[in-house]
């Protein structure tokens, strides 16, 4: 049985001045991303945010070529102590944040899972370095973090 992938949908913020980019073209690809958009848009500690506006170059281990990683979110947040923190945020299902378990039978599905894991690792490593170079942090949020 194949999992149905939902169609991307436009999302309209209530506070467009907080959005860093084209607030008329915010695309959400899951209910989890939509939930984070609502939080980023309405949470008072969030100074500015964007969705898929930050592009990080990375080398794919599959074809050894450079690609562009559009990180799900960027957020600039004022912390309780008054300092400002900046984050790159990726939203992923928990099961995609772990390396696939080795299988005795090598199937197409397993090969795809391993390739996806390798590409995600390359993206996340590049995003971690990109963020660190700017004094930011890179986070991966799952359904557990988003309480869904």
N, C-alpha and C. Protein backbone atom coordinates (compact mmCIF):
# COMPACT_ATOMS: atom_id res chain seq x y z
N UNK A 1 0.85 -1.18 0.00
CA UNK A 1 0.00 0.00 0.00
C UNK A 1 0.89 1.24 0.00
N UNK A 2 0.64 2.15 -0.89
CA UNK A 2 1.42 3.38 -0.99
C UNK A 2 0.78 4.48 -0.16
N UNK A 3 1.63 5.25 0.50
CA UNK A 3 1.15 6.36 1.30
C UNK A 3 0.80 7.52 0.37
N UNK A 4 -0.37 8.09 0.56
CA UNK A 4 -0.77 9.24 -0.25
C UNK A 4 -0.10 10.50 0.28
N UNK A 5 0.57 11.22 -0.60
CA UNK A 5 1.23 12.46 -0.22
C UNK A 5 0.27 13.60 -0.48
N UNK A 6 -0.02 14.41 0.56
CA UNK A 6 -0.97 15.51 0.38
C UNK A 6 -0.41 16.58 -0.56
N UNK A 7 -1.31 17.22 -1.25
CA UNK A 7 -0.93 18.33 -2.14
C UNK A 7 -0.49 19.52 -1.30
N UNK A 8 0.58 20.20 -1.72
CA UNK A 8 0.97 21.42 -1.01
C UNK A 8 -0.16 22.45 -1.07
N UNK A 9 -0.31 23.21 0.00
CA UNK A 9 -1.37 24.22 0.06
C UNK A 9 -0.79 25.56 0.46
N UNK A 10 -1.43 26.62 -0.02
CA UNK A 10 -1.02 27.97 0.40
C UNK A 10 -1.54 28.20 1.81
N UNK A 11 -0.76 28.98 2.55
CA UNK A 11 -1.14 29.33 3.91
C UNK A 11 -1.03 30.83 4.06
N UNK A 12 -2.03 31.46 4.65
CA UNK A 12 -2.08 32.91 4.79
C UNK A 12 -1.84 33.27 6.26
N UNK A 13 -0.79 34.07 6.54
CA UNK A 13 -0.51 34.46 7.93
C UNK A 13 -1.45 35.56 8.41
N UNK A 14 -1.70 35.58 9.72
CA UNK A 14 -2.47 36.67 10.33
C UNK A 14 -1.59 37.89 10.54
N UNK A 15 -0.28 37.65 10.66
CA UNK A 15 0.68 38.72 10.94
C UNK A 15 1.73 38.77 9.83
N UNK A 16 1.33 39.23 8.64
CA UNK A 16 2.25 39.19 7.49
C UNK A 16 3.53 40.01 7.69
N UNK A 17 3.50 41.01 8.58
CA UNK A 17 4.70 41.83 8.79
C UNK A 17 5.81 41.03 9.46
N UNK A 18 5.47 39.94 10.16
CA UNK A 18 6.48 39.09 10.78
C UNK A 18 7.17 38.18 9.76
N UNK A 19 6.54 38.00 8.61
CA UNK A 19 7.07 37.06 7.62
C UNK A 19 8.20 37.70 6.82
N UNK A 20 9.33 37.03 6.74
CA UNK A 20 10.49 37.52 6.02
C UNK A 20 10.52 36.87 4.64
N UNK A 21 9.85 37.49 3.68
CA UNK A 21 9.74 36.93 2.34
C UNK A 21 8.38 37.31 1.77
N UNK A 22 7.96 36.58 0.77
CA UNK A 22 6.67 36.83 0.12
C UNK A 22 5.56 36.14 0.90
N UNK A 23 4.88 36.88 1.76
CA UNK A 23 3.84 36.29 2.62
C UNK A 23 2.61 35.82 1.84
N UNK A 24 2.53 36.16 0.55
CA UNK A 24 1.40 35.69 -0.26
C UNK A 24 1.69 34.34 -0.91
N UNK A 25 2.91 33.82 -0.69
CA UNK A 25 3.29 32.57 -1.34
C UNK A 25 3.88 31.57 -0.33
N UNK A 26 3.25 31.44 0.83
CA UNK A 26 3.69 30.47 1.83
C UNK A 26 3.03 29.13 1.49
N UNK A 27 3.86 28.11 1.28
CA UNK A 27 3.36 26.78 0.94
C UNK A 27 3.62 25.84 2.11
N UNK A 28 2.57 25.12 2.52
CA UNK A 28 2.73 24.10 3.55
C UNK A 28 2.51 22.74 2.89
N UNK A 29 3.32 21.77 3.29
CA UNK A 29 3.30 20.45 2.67
C UNK A 29 2.75 19.37 3.60
N UNK A 30 2.38 19.77 4.83
CA UNK A 30 1.81 18.81 5.78
C UNK A 30 1.06 19.56 6.87
N UNK A 31 0.24 18.83 7.60
CA UNK A 31 -0.47 19.44 8.73
C UNK A 31 0.53 19.83 9.82
N UNK A 32 1.65 19.13 9.90
CA UNK A 32 2.67 19.47 10.89
C UNK A 32 3.31 20.82 10.55
N UNK A 33 3.60 21.03 9.27
CA UNK A 33 4.15 22.33 8.85
C UNK A 33 3.12 23.43 9.10
N UNK A 34 1.85 23.15 8.84
CA UNK A 34 0.80 24.14 9.08
C UNK A 34 0.75 24.51 10.56
N UNK A 35 0.87 23.51 11.43
CA UNK A 35 0.85 23.77 12.87
C UNK A 35 2.02 24.67 13.27
N UNK A 36 3.19 24.42 12.70
CA UNK A 36 4.34 25.26 13.02
C UNK A 36 4.16 26.68 12.47
N UNK A 37 3.57 26.80 11.28
CA UNK A 37 3.28 28.13 10.71
C UNK A 37 2.39 28.93 11.65
N UNK A 38 1.35 28.31 12.15
CA UNK A 38 0.44 29.01 13.07
C UNK A 38 1.20 29.47 14.30
N UNK A 39 2.04 28.61 14.86
CA UNK A 39 2.81 28.99 16.05
C UNK A 39 3.76 30.13 15.75
N UNK A 40 4.53 30.01 14.66
CA UNK A 40 5.48 31.07 14.29
C UNK A 40 4.77 32.40 14.05
N UNK A 41 3.60 32.34 13.43
CA UNK A 41 2.85 33.55 13.09
C UNK A 41 2.24 34.22 14.32
N UNK A 42 1.82 33.43 15.30
CA UNK A 42 1.07 34.00 16.42
C UNK A 42 1.85 34.11 17.72
N UNK A 43 2.95 33.38 17.86
CA UNK A 43 3.74 33.42 19.10
C UNK A 43 4.44 34.77 19.21
N UNK A 44 4.25 35.45 20.35
CA UNK A 44 4.80 36.79 20.54
C UNK A 44 6.33 36.81 20.55
N UNK A 45 6.96 35.74 20.98
CA UNK A 45 8.43 35.73 21.06
C UNK A 45 9.08 35.61 19.68
N UNK A 46 8.30 35.25 18.66
CA UNK A 46 8.84 35.13 17.30
C UNK A 46 8.87 36.53 16.67
N UNK A 47 10.06 36.98 16.34
CA UNK A 47 10.25 38.32 15.77
C UNK A 47 10.01 38.29 14.26
N UNK A 48 10.59 37.27 13.61
CA UNK A 48 10.38 37.09 12.17
C UNK A 48 10.57 35.62 11.84
N UNK A 49 9.99 35.23 10.71
CA UNK A 49 10.12 33.85 10.28
C UNK A 49 9.89 33.75 8.78
N UNK A 50 10.25 32.61 8.22
CA UNK A 50 9.99 32.36 6.80
C UNK A 50 9.89 30.86 6.56
N UNK A 51 9.35 30.51 5.41
CA UNK A 51 9.18 29.11 5.01
C UNK A 51 9.82 28.90 3.64
N UNK A 52 10.77 27.99 3.59
CA UNK A 52 11.48 27.63 2.36
C UNK A 52 12.11 28.84 1.66
N UNK A 53 12.57 29.79 2.44
CA UNK A 53 13.23 30.98 1.88
C UNK A 53 14.76 30.86 1.98
N UNK A 54 15.26 30.02 2.90
CA UNK A 54 16.71 29.84 3.06
C UNK A 54 17.13 28.63 2.24
N UNK A 55 18.13 28.83 1.38
CA UNK A 55 18.62 27.77 0.49
C UNK A 55 20.05 27.43 0.88
N UNK A 56 20.28 26.15 1.15
CA UNK A 56 21.60 25.67 1.58
C UNK A 56 22.14 24.70 0.52
N UNK A 57 23.32 24.97 -0.03
CA UNK A 57 23.91 24.02 -0.98
C UNK A 57 24.45 22.79 -0.24
N UNK A 58 24.31 21.63 -0.88
CA UNK A 58 24.85 20.39 -0.31
C UNK A 58 25.25 19.45 -1.44
N UNK A 59 26.12 18.49 -1.12
CA UNK A 59 26.53 17.47 -2.08
C UNK A 59 25.77 16.19 -1.77
N UNK A 60 25.03 15.69 -2.74
CA UNK A 60 24.27 14.46 -2.56
C UNK A 60 25.20 13.25 -2.64
N UNK A 61 25.08 12.33 -1.68
CA UNK A 61 25.88 11.11 -1.75
C UNK A 61 25.40 10.15 -2.84
N UNK A 62 24.23 10.41 -3.39
CA UNK A 62 23.68 9.54 -4.43
C UNK A 62 24.35 9.79 -5.77
N UNK A 63 24.48 11.09 -6.15
CA UNK A 63 25.08 11.41 -7.45
C UNK A 63 26.36 12.25 -7.36
N UNK A 64 26.77 12.56 -6.12
CA UNK A 64 27.99 13.34 -5.85
C UNK A 64 27.98 14.71 -6.53
N UNK A 65 26.79 15.25 -6.74
CA UNK A 65 26.64 16.58 -7.34
C UNK A 65 26.06 17.54 -6.32
N UNK A 66 26.29 18.83 -6.57
CA UNK A 66 25.73 19.85 -5.69
C UNK A 66 24.25 20.04 -5.99
N UNK A 67 23.47 20.17 -4.92
CA UNK A 67 22.03 20.42 -5.00
C UNK A 67 21.69 21.57 -4.07
N UNK A 68 20.43 22.02 -4.12
CA UNK A 68 19.96 23.10 -3.24
C UNK A 68 18.91 22.54 -2.28
N UNK A 69 19.12 22.78 -1.00
CA UNK A 69 18.22 22.34 0.05
C UNK A 69 17.44 23.56 0.53
N UNK A 70 16.13 23.55 0.29
CA UNK A 70 15.25 24.61 0.77
C UNK A 70 14.77 24.20 2.17
N UNK A 71 15.41 24.76 3.19
CA UNK A 71 15.09 24.39 4.57
C UNK A 71 13.65 24.81 4.87
N UNK A 72 12.91 23.95 5.57
CA UNK A 72 11.49 24.21 5.81
C UNK A 72 11.22 25.59 6.41
N UNK A 73 11.95 25.95 7.48
CA UNK A 73 11.65 27.20 8.15
C UNK A 73 12.91 27.89 8.66
N UNK A 74 12.81 29.21 8.78
CA UNK A 74 13.79 30.05 9.47
C UNK A 74 12.99 30.80 10.53
N UNK A 75 13.55 30.96 11.72
CA UNK A 75 12.86 31.72 12.77
C UNK A 75 13.86 32.54 13.57
N UNK A 76 13.47 33.76 13.87
CA UNK A 76 14.24 34.66 14.74
C UNK A 76 13.37 34.86 15.98
N UNK A 77 13.89 34.41 17.15
CA UNK A 77 13.07 34.34 18.36
C UNK A 77 13.75 35.06 19.51
N UNK A 78 12.96 35.83 20.24
CA UNK A 78 13.46 36.49 21.45
C UNK A 78 13.24 35.53 22.62
N UNK A 79 14.33 35.18 23.31
CA UNK A 79 14.24 34.23 24.42
C UNK A 79 13.78 34.92 25.70
N UNK A 80 13.51 34.11 26.72
CA UNK A 80 13.04 34.66 28.00
C UNK A 80 14.05 35.59 28.64
N UNK A 81 15.36 35.34 28.37
CA UNK A 81 16.39 36.22 28.96
C UNK A 81 16.64 37.47 28.12
N UNK A 82 15.85 37.63 27.03
CA UNK A 82 15.96 38.83 26.20
C UNK A 82 16.92 38.71 25.03
N UNK A 83 17.66 37.60 24.95
CA UNK A 83 18.58 37.43 23.82
C UNK A 83 17.80 37.00 22.57
N UNK A 84 18.43 37.16 21.43
CA UNK A 84 17.82 36.80 20.15
C UNK A 84 18.51 35.55 19.62
N UNK A 85 17.72 34.54 19.27
CA UNK A 85 18.24 33.30 18.69
C UNK A 85 17.63 33.12 17.30
N UNK A 86 18.46 32.60 16.39
CA UNK A 86 17.99 32.33 15.03
C UNK A 86 18.12 30.84 14.76
N UNK A 87 17.10 30.29 14.08
CA UNK A 87 17.04 28.86 13.85
C UNK A 87 16.69 28.55 12.40
N UNK A 88 17.28 27.48 11.89
CA UNK A 88 16.79 26.81 10.69
C UNK A 88 16.07 25.58 11.21
N UNK A 89 14.87 25.33 10.69
CA UNK A 89 14.04 24.25 11.23
C UNK A 89 13.55 23.35 10.11
N UNK A 90 13.75 22.06 10.27
CA UNK A 90 13.23 21.05 9.35
C UNK A 90 12.14 20.28 10.09
N UNK A 91 11.01 20.02 9.42
CA UNK A 91 9.92 19.25 10.00
C UNK A 91 9.92 17.88 9.31
N UNK A 92 10.06 16.82 10.10
CA UNK A 92 10.14 15.46 9.55
C UNK A 92 9.43 14.48 10.47
N UNK A 93 8.87 13.41 9.91
CA UNK A 93 8.35 12.33 10.76
C UNK A 93 9.50 11.71 11.56
N UNK A 94 9.23 11.34 12.79
CA UNK A 94 10.24 10.75 13.67
C UNK A 94 10.97 9.58 12.99
N UNK A 95 10.21 8.73 12.29
CA UNK A 95 10.84 7.55 11.68
C UNK A 95 11.83 7.91 10.56
N UNK A 96 11.77 9.12 10.03
CA UNK A 96 12.72 9.53 9.00
C UNK A 96 13.96 10.20 9.59
N UNK A 97 14.00 10.31 10.91
CA UNK A 97 15.17 10.92 11.56
C UNK A 97 16.14 9.85 12.07
N UNK A 98 15.83 8.60 11.79
CA UNK A 98 16.69 7.48 12.20
C UNK A 98 17.14 6.70 10.97
N UNK A 99 18.37 6.17 11.05
CA UNK A 99 18.89 5.36 9.95
C UNK A 99 18.02 4.11 9.79
N UNK A 100 17.74 3.72 8.52
CA UNK A 100 16.93 2.51 8.31
C UNK A 100 17.63 1.28 8.89
N UNK A 101 16.84 0.38 9.48
CA UNK A 101 17.40 -0.86 10.01
C UNK A 101 17.87 -1.74 8.86
N UNK A 102 19.02 -2.39 9.05
CA UNK A 102 19.54 -3.28 8.01
C UNK A 102 18.57 -4.43 7.80
N UNK A 103 18.35 -4.75 6.54
CA UNK A 103 17.43 -5.83 6.17
C UNK A 103 18.24 -7.00 5.61
N UNK A 104 17.72 -8.18 5.78
CA UNK A 104 18.39 -9.35 5.20
C UNK A 104 18.11 -9.42 3.70
N UNK A 105 16.92 -9.01 3.32
CA UNK A 105 16.55 -9.00 1.90
C UNK A 105 16.63 -7.55 1.40
N UNK A 106 17.40 -7.33 0.36
CA UNK A 106 17.56 -5.98 -0.21
C UNK A 106 16.45 -5.76 -1.24
N UNK A 107 15.49 -4.90 -0.88
CA UNK A 107 14.37 -4.59 -1.77
C UNK A 107 14.54 -3.18 -2.32
N UNK A 108 13.74 -2.86 -3.33
CA UNK A 108 13.75 -1.48 -3.86
C UNK A 108 13.40 -0.49 -2.77
N UNK A 109 12.42 -0.84 -1.94
CA UNK A 109 12.01 0.06 -0.85
C UNK A 109 13.17 0.31 0.10
N UNK A 110 13.90 -0.74 0.45
CA UNK A 110 15.04 -0.58 1.36
C UNK A 110 16.13 0.29 0.72
N UNK A 111 16.41 0.07 -0.55
CA UNK A 111 17.41 0.89 -1.26
C UNK A 111 16.99 2.36 -1.26
N UNK A 112 15.69 2.61 -1.51
CA UNK A 112 15.18 3.99 -1.48
C UNK A 112 15.29 4.60 -0.09
N UNK A 113 15.00 3.82 0.95
CA UNK A 113 15.11 4.32 2.33
C UNK A 113 16.56 4.69 2.66
N UNK A 114 17.51 3.85 2.24
CA UNK A 114 18.93 4.11 2.50
C UNK A 114 19.38 5.36 1.73
N UNK A 115 18.95 5.48 0.47
CA UNK A 115 19.32 6.65 -0.33
C UNK A 115 18.73 7.93 0.28
N UNK A 116 17.47 7.87 0.68
CA UNK A 116 16.82 9.03 1.31
C UNK A 116 17.54 9.41 2.60
N UNK A 117 17.90 8.41 3.39
CA UNK A 117 18.63 8.67 4.63
C UNK A 117 19.95 9.37 4.33
N UNK A 118 20.67 8.89 3.33
CA UNK A 118 21.96 9.48 2.97
C UNK A 118 21.81 10.92 2.51
N UNK A 119 20.81 11.19 1.68
CA UNK A 119 20.57 12.55 1.20
C UNK A 119 20.17 13.45 2.37
N UNK A 120 19.29 12.96 3.24
CA UNK A 120 18.88 13.77 4.40
C UNK A 120 20.07 14.06 5.30
N UNK A 121 20.94 13.09 5.51
CA UNK A 121 22.13 13.32 6.33
C UNK A 121 23.01 14.42 5.72
N UNK A 122 23.17 14.38 4.39
CA UNK A 122 23.98 15.41 3.71
C UNK A 122 23.32 16.78 3.84
N UNK A 123 22.00 16.84 3.67
CA UNK A 123 21.28 18.11 3.82
C UNK A 123 21.42 18.65 5.24
N UNK A 124 21.21 17.78 6.22
CA UNK A 124 21.23 18.23 7.61
C UNK A 124 22.62 18.63 8.05
N UNK A 125 23.63 17.96 7.55
CA UNK A 125 25.00 18.33 7.87
C UNK A 125 25.32 19.71 7.28
N UNK A 126 24.91 19.91 6.02
CA UNK A 126 25.13 21.21 5.36
C UNK A 126 24.37 22.31 6.09
N UNK A 127 23.13 22.03 6.50
CA UNK A 127 22.32 23.04 7.21
C UNK A 127 22.91 23.35 8.58
N UNK A 128 23.42 22.33 9.26
CA UNK A 128 24.06 22.53 10.56
C UNK A 128 25.26 23.46 10.41
N UNK A 129 26.08 23.21 9.40
CA UNK A 129 27.26 24.05 9.16
C UNK A 129 26.87 25.45 8.73
N UNK A 130 25.89 25.56 7.83
CA UNK A 130 25.40 26.86 7.35
C UNK A 130 24.93 27.70 8.53
N UNK A 131 24.12 27.08 9.41
CA UNK A 131 23.59 27.78 10.58
C UNK A 131 24.72 28.17 11.53
N UNK A 132 25.62 27.26 11.81
CA UNK A 132 26.72 27.52 12.74
C UNK A 132 27.60 28.67 12.24
N UNK A 133 27.83 28.73 10.93
CA UNK A 133 28.64 29.81 10.36
C UNK A 133 28.02 31.18 10.62
N UNK A 134 26.71 31.22 10.86
CA UNK A 134 26.00 32.48 11.07
C UNK A 134 25.61 32.70 12.54
N UNK A 135 26.02 31.77 13.40
CA UNK A 135 25.65 31.87 14.82
C UNK A 135 24.23 31.42 15.09
N UNK A 136 23.65 30.64 14.18
CA UNK A 136 22.29 30.13 14.31
C UNK A 136 22.36 28.68 14.77
N UNK A 137 21.19 28.06 14.94
CA UNK A 137 21.08 26.63 15.25
C UNK A 137 20.19 25.96 14.22
N UNK A 138 20.47 24.69 13.95
CA UNK A 138 19.62 23.89 13.06
C UNK A 138 18.87 22.87 13.91
N UNK A 139 17.55 22.82 13.75
CA UNK A 139 16.70 21.91 14.51
C UNK A 139 15.89 21.03 13.57
N UNK A 140 15.67 19.79 13.99
CA UNK A 140 14.73 18.92 13.30
C UNK A 140 13.58 18.68 14.27
N UNK A 141 12.38 19.09 13.87
CA UNK A 141 11.20 18.89 14.71
C UNK A 141 10.36 17.75 14.14
N UNK A 142 9.86 16.90 15.04
CA UNK A 142 9.02 15.76 14.64
C UNK A 142 7.64 15.91 15.24
N UNK A 143 6.79 14.93 14.97
CA UNK A 143 5.43 14.94 15.53
C UNK A 143 5.48 14.97 17.06
N UNK A 144 6.53 14.43 17.66
CA UNK A 144 6.65 14.46 19.12
C UNK A 144 6.85 15.89 19.61
N UNK A 145 7.69 16.66 18.92
CA UNK A 145 7.92 18.06 19.30
C UNK A 145 6.67 18.90 19.06
N UNK A 146 5.97 18.59 17.96
CA UNK A 146 4.79 19.37 17.59
C UNK A 146 3.52 18.88 18.27
N UNK A 147 3.67 17.79 19.04
CA UNK A 147 2.54 17.20 19.79
C UNK A 147 1.35 16.87 18.89
N UNK A 148 1.66 16.15 17.81
CA UNK A 148 0.59 15.68 16.91
C UNK A 148 0.64 14.17 16.79
